[in-house]
């Protein structure tokens, strides 16, 4: 397994909560953040992440001992180097568990020519196999590529419900299109609940290809 230089792995001293993901960048980051702000409007039920914290999650690892970080980083690098950078587009609103009972509002991810993001799905599966080799089993639930743009902490306004289920939604008559970007790196990210909501710290970054 290729060694990740020690200087590229941020040290941690205690048990942390981590996930493998890709940060949104550039103009798309700003557009995604604005989509969350527009959806929220003046509804206090919604909380919008800071623009710099927007990301797409590939694998949630949960509680992670500090002694595992280097092995995880090596596994990610070995898998990532087998995949070339690729382009995706951010398109369509959605909600978990559904538009009538939203807890999370998200923007979907597709291939530039429409349809499922095949390169992203292939990368996610390869990373899952690599993580399994160092003791981290992928989640059983199906991978649903998305970026969370707002969290819903209680019943939202009718305006929010209508927007999530309306023409801008994924599969709607005019799905929201927020443009595309080239993805070229994967990160192991620490989720820090002690800071502001949705605050994340990069522990290591590996490049595709």
Foldseek 3Di string as FASTA:
>chain_A
DDFDDPVQFAADDFKFWKFKWFWDDDQLLVLLLVVLCVLCPVKPQKDFDDSRLKIKTLFGQTTDGRVCRRLLVVLLQVLQQVAAKAKKWWKFKFAPPGLQDHFFIWTAIDHPVGDHNVSSVVSSVSSQVSVVVSPGHGDPDDDGTTITGIGGNDDTDPSSSCVNVAQCHVVHVNHDTSTMDITWKMFIKTDDPVDPPSDIDTRGMHTGD
